[in-house]
């Protein structure tokens, strides 16, 4: 017998009904919270692809390295003396490719990551040349010395020289890894093919 007013209906434990939990609908089940949305996956894949594509475009559009002597003014059209000088310049130097002649210049392509070596004939007199300029005299075997004036230095890259005691003026870009052999050999060719001229200090 039950007492008056008592309720024998079994009571559900508090919280057993998911409807009692206002956050139940937001709670992921069966590990579903670790899945990435398709849009996020597509974004994560696209980012590295775009970065790689950007590097490829940059490499393709990057201009070729330019040495200081490329900006030197030419004194005039390519002369017969310059043509002879460029023709008689050595075909190769150690560490560089075969000579390529175009217009007033000869280029020996770099075989590593350094600069090409370049010779230009017929540039104008260096404006910085003065009586107090420090000139370097380089002697090829059994020949008189040739005087060079350093016009530009790029740290870690190389130096630009202009031969100032022969005509026409000759500029040479010598990469840092080239050593002394190339300018010595070119000095010999200059002395054989070009006329000597006085030092012109302007």
Protein backbone atom coordinates (compact mmCIF):
# COMPACT_ATOMS: atom_id res chain seq x y z
CA UNK A 1 0.00 0.00 0.00
CA UNK A 2 1.16 3.40 -0.82
CA UNK A 3 0.81 6.38 1.33
CA UNK A 4 -1.35 9.26 0.19
CA UNK A 5 0.32 11.85 -1.94
CA UNK A 6 3.31 9.67 -2.84
CA UNK A 7 4.40 9.22 -6.48
CA UNK A 8 5.75 5.77 -7.38
CA UNK A 9 6.61 6.75 -11.00
CA UNK A 10 10.32 6.12 -11.57
CA UNK A 11 12.26 9.33 -12.09
CA UNK A 12 14.90 9.62 -14.77
CA UNK A 13 18.29 10.70 -13.54
CA UNK A 14 18.97 14.36 -14.14
CA UNK A 15 20.89 14.92 -17.37
CA UNK A 16 20.02 11.56 -19.00
CA UNK A 17 17.91 13.28 -21.61
CA UNK A 18 20.12 14.94 -24.25
CA UNK A 19 17.43 17.54 -24.55
CA UNK A 20 18.25 18.68 -21.05
CA UNK A 21 21.78 19.73 -22.20
CA UNK A 22 21.61 22.95 -24.20
CA UNK A 23 25.03 22.22 -25.71
CA UNK A 24 24.25 18.70 -26.84
CA UNK A 25 23.63 19.69 -30.44
CA UNK A 26 27.03 21.43 -30.60
CA UNK A 27 28.97 18.50 -29.17
CA UNK A 28 30.78 16.48 -31.90
CA UNK A 29 30.38 12.70 -31.74
CA UNK A 30 32.58 9.79 -32.77
CA UNK A 31 35.65 11.99 -33.29
CA UNK A 32 33.94 14.18 -35.88
CA UNK A 33 35.56 17.29 -34.37
CA UNK A 34 38.96 16.37 -35.89
CA UNK A 35 37.83 16.54 -39.52
CA UNK A 36 38.73 19.55 -41.67
CA UNK A 37 36.20 21.17 -43.89
CA UNK A 38 36.72 20.76 -47.67
CA UNK A 39 37.18 24.51 -48.02
CA UNK A 40 40.00 24.57 -45.45
CA UNK A 41 41.70 21.58 -47.07
CA UNK A 42 41.56 23.29 -50.45
CA UNK A 43 43.10 26.44 -48.95
CA UNK A 44 45.93 24.53 -47.27
CA UNK A 45 46.73 22.78 -50.56
CA UNK A 46 46.53 25.95 -52.62
CA UNK A 47 48.95 28.01 -50.50
CA UNK A 48 52.14 25.96 -51.14
CA UNK A 49 51.18 25.57 -54.80
CA UNK A 50 50.93 29.35 -55.15
CA UNK A 51 54.26 29.85 -53.36
CA UNK A 52 56.02 27.39 -55.69
CA UNK A 53 54.42 29.01 -58.73
CA UNK A 54 55.59 32.42 -57.51
CA UNK A 55 59.19 31.23 -57.24
CA UNK A 56 59.03 29.79 -60.76
CA UNK A 57 57.69 33.04 -62.20
CA UNK A 58 60.31 35.07 -60.31
CA UNK A 59 63.13 32.90 -61.65
CA UNK A 60 61.81 33.14 -65.19
CA UNK A 61 61.39 36.92 -65.14
CA UNK A 62 64.52 37.77 -63.16
CA UNK A 63 66.89 39.84 -65.33
CA UNK A 64 70.32 38.51 -66.16
CA UNK A 65 73.11 39.73 -63.87
CA UNK A 66 74.56 43.06 -65.06
CA UNK A 67 78.17 44.03 -64.33
CA UNK A 68 79.28 47.65 -63.88
CA UNK A 69 81.04 47.83 -67.26
CA UNK A 70 77.70 47.31 -69.04
CA UNK A 71 76.82 50.89 -68.06
CA UNK A 72 80.03 52.46 -69.38
CA UNK A 73 79.52 54.75 -72.36
CA UNK A 74 80.88 53.70 -75.74
CA UNK A 75 83.20 56.15 -77.46
CA UNK A 76 81.73 55.33 -80.87
CA UNK A 77 81.07 52.48 -83.29
CA UNK A 78 83.09 49.29 -82.93
CA UNK A 79 86.49 49.94 -84.50
CA UNK A 80 88.70 47.60 -86.49
CA UNK A 81 91.16 47.63 -83.58
CA UNK A 82 88.48 46.45 -81.19
CA UNK A 83 87.37 43.73 -83.58
CA UNK A 84 90.93 42.46 -83.75
CA UNK A 85 91.35 42.60 -79.97
CA UNK A 86 88.17 40.64 -79.32
CA UNK A 87 89.08 38.11 -81.99
CA UNK A 88 92.55 37.50 -80.53
CA UNK A 89 91.42 37.31 -76.91
CA UNK A 90 91.73 33.77 -75.50
CA UNK A 91 88.88 31.41 -76.32
CA UNK A 92 88.72 30.04 -72.79
CA UNK A 93 89.87 30.68 -69.25
CA UNK A 94 89.97 28.16 -66.42
CA UNK A 95 86.61 28.07 -64.68
CA UNK A 96 84.76 29.79 -67.54
CA UNK A 97 83.07 28.72 -70.74
CA UNK A 98 84.01 29.40 -74.35
CA UNK A 99 84.28 33.03 -75.48
CA UNK A 100 81.18 34.63 -77.00
CA UNK A 101 81.66 37.84 -79.03
CA UNK A 102 78.87 40.33 -79.64
CA UNK A 103 79.39 43.90 -80.79
CA UNK A 104 82.01 45.63 -78.65
CA UNK A 105 82.36 42.86 -76.09
CA UNK A 106 83.55 39.35 -75.43
CA UNK A 107 82.00 37.25 -72.68
CA UNK A 108 83.27 34.10 -71.00
CA UNK A 109 80.24 32.48 -69.30
CA UNK A 110 80.62 31.40 -65.70
CA UNK A 111 80.55 27.65 -65.16
CA UNK A 112 79.42 28.02 -61.54
CA UNK A 113 77.26 30.47 -59.61
CA UNK A 114 79.59 33.45 -60.12
CA UNK A 115 79.50 36.25 -62.70
CA UNK A 116 80.51 35.95 -66.32
CA UNK A 117 83.83 37.53 -67.26
CA UNK A 118 83.38 40.37 -69.74
CA UNK A 119 85.69 42.47 -71.93
CA UNK A 120 84.50 45.66 -73.62
CA UNK A 121 86.54 47.60 -76.16
CA UNK A 122 85.96 51.23 -77.05
CA UNK A 123 84.60 52.68 -73.81
CA UNK A 124 85.13 56.32 -72.89
CA UNK A 125 87.92 57.56 -70.63
CA UNK A 126 87.09 57.02 -66.94
CA UNK A 127 85.97 60.38 -65.55
CA UNK A 128 87.57 59.54 -62.18
CA UNK A 129 91.06 59.12 -63.68
CA UNK A 130 93.41 61.75 -62.22
CA UNK A 131 97.15 62.28 -61.60
CA UNK A 132 96.72 60.79 -58.13
CA UNK A 133 94.88 57.67 -59.31
CA UNK A 134 96.37 54.37 -58.22
CA UNK A 135 97.16 52.44 -61.40
CA UNK A 136 98.12 48.78 -61.62
CA UNK A 137 100.73 47.81 -64.17
CA UNK A 138 100.42 44.23 -65.36
CA UNK A 139 103.09 42.51 -67.41
CA UNK A 140 102.43 39.64 -69.76
CA UNK A 141 105.37 37.39 -70.64
CA UNK A 142 108.12 39.23 -72.57
CA UNK A 143 105.96 42.32 -73.05
CA UNK A 144 105.84 45.83 -71.67
CA UNK A 145 103.42 46.52 -68.86
CA UNK A 146 99.82 47.59 -69.37
CA UNK A 147 98.29 50.06 -66.92
CA UNK A 148 94.84 49.44 -65.50
CA UNK A 149 92.61 51.69 -63.41
CA UNK A 150 90.08 50.09 -61.05
CA UNK A 151 86.75 51.77 -61.76
CA UNK A 152 84.31 49.68 -59.73
CA UNK A 153 84.45 47.12 -56.93
CA UNK A 154 81.50 44.97 -55.89
CA UNK A 155 82.21 43.19 -52.60
CA UNK A 156 82.14 39.44 -52.99
CA UNK A 157 81.45 39.70 -56.72
CA UNK A 158 84.41 41.20 -58.57
CA UNK A 159 86.17 44.29 -59.90
CA UNK A 160 85.99 46.41 -63.03
CA UNK A 161 89.18 47.67 -64.68
CA UNK A 162 89.88 50.03 -67.57
CA UNK A 163 93.15 49.92 -69.50
CA UNK A 164 94.23 53.58 -69.68
CA UNK A 165 97.53 53.58 -71.59
CA UNK A 166 96.31 52.09 -74.89
CA UNK A 167 93.70 53.21 -77.39
CA UNK A 168 90.84 52.52 -77.63
CA UNK A 169 90.08 52.23 -73.92
CA UNK A 170 89.30 48.68 -72.83
CA UNK A 171 87.15 47.73 -69.83
CA UNK A 172 87.19 44.33 -68.16
CA UNK A 173 84.97 42.80 -65.48
CA UNK A 174 86.85 40.18 -63.48
CA UNK A 175 84.81 38.00 -61.10
CA UNK A 176 86.22 37.44 -57.63
CA UNK A 177 86.98 33.79 -58.35
CA UNK A 178 88.88 34.41 -61.61
CA UNK A 179 92.37 34.98 -60.21
CA UNK A 180 95.11 36.99 -61.97
CA UNK A 181 95.48 34.82 -65.08
CA UNK A 182 92.77 36.41 -67.26
CA UNK A 183 93.82 40.05 -66.84
CA UNK A 184 97.45 39.06 -67.42
CA UNK A 185 96.57 37.28 -70.67
CA UNK A 186 94.32 40.13 -71.83
CA UNK A 187 97.11 42.62 -71.06
CA UNK A 188 99.33 40.73 -73.48
CA UNK A 189 96.67 40.81 -76.20
CA UNK A 190 96.10 44.55 -75.66
CA UNK A 191 99.81 45.29 -75.96
CA UNK A 192 100.01 43.30 -79.21
CA UNK A 193 96.92 44.67 -80.90
CA UNK A 194 96.33 48.25 -79.69
CA UNK A 195 98.49 51.35 -79.92
CA UNK A 196 99.90 52.91 -76.79
CA UNK A 197 98.50 56.25 -75.79
CA UNK A 198 99.34 58.85 -73.14
CA UNK A 199 97.62 58.89 -69.79
CA UNK A 200 94.78 61.38 -70.16
CA UNK A 201 93.77 62.98 -66.88
CA UNK A 202 91.21 65.23 -68.49
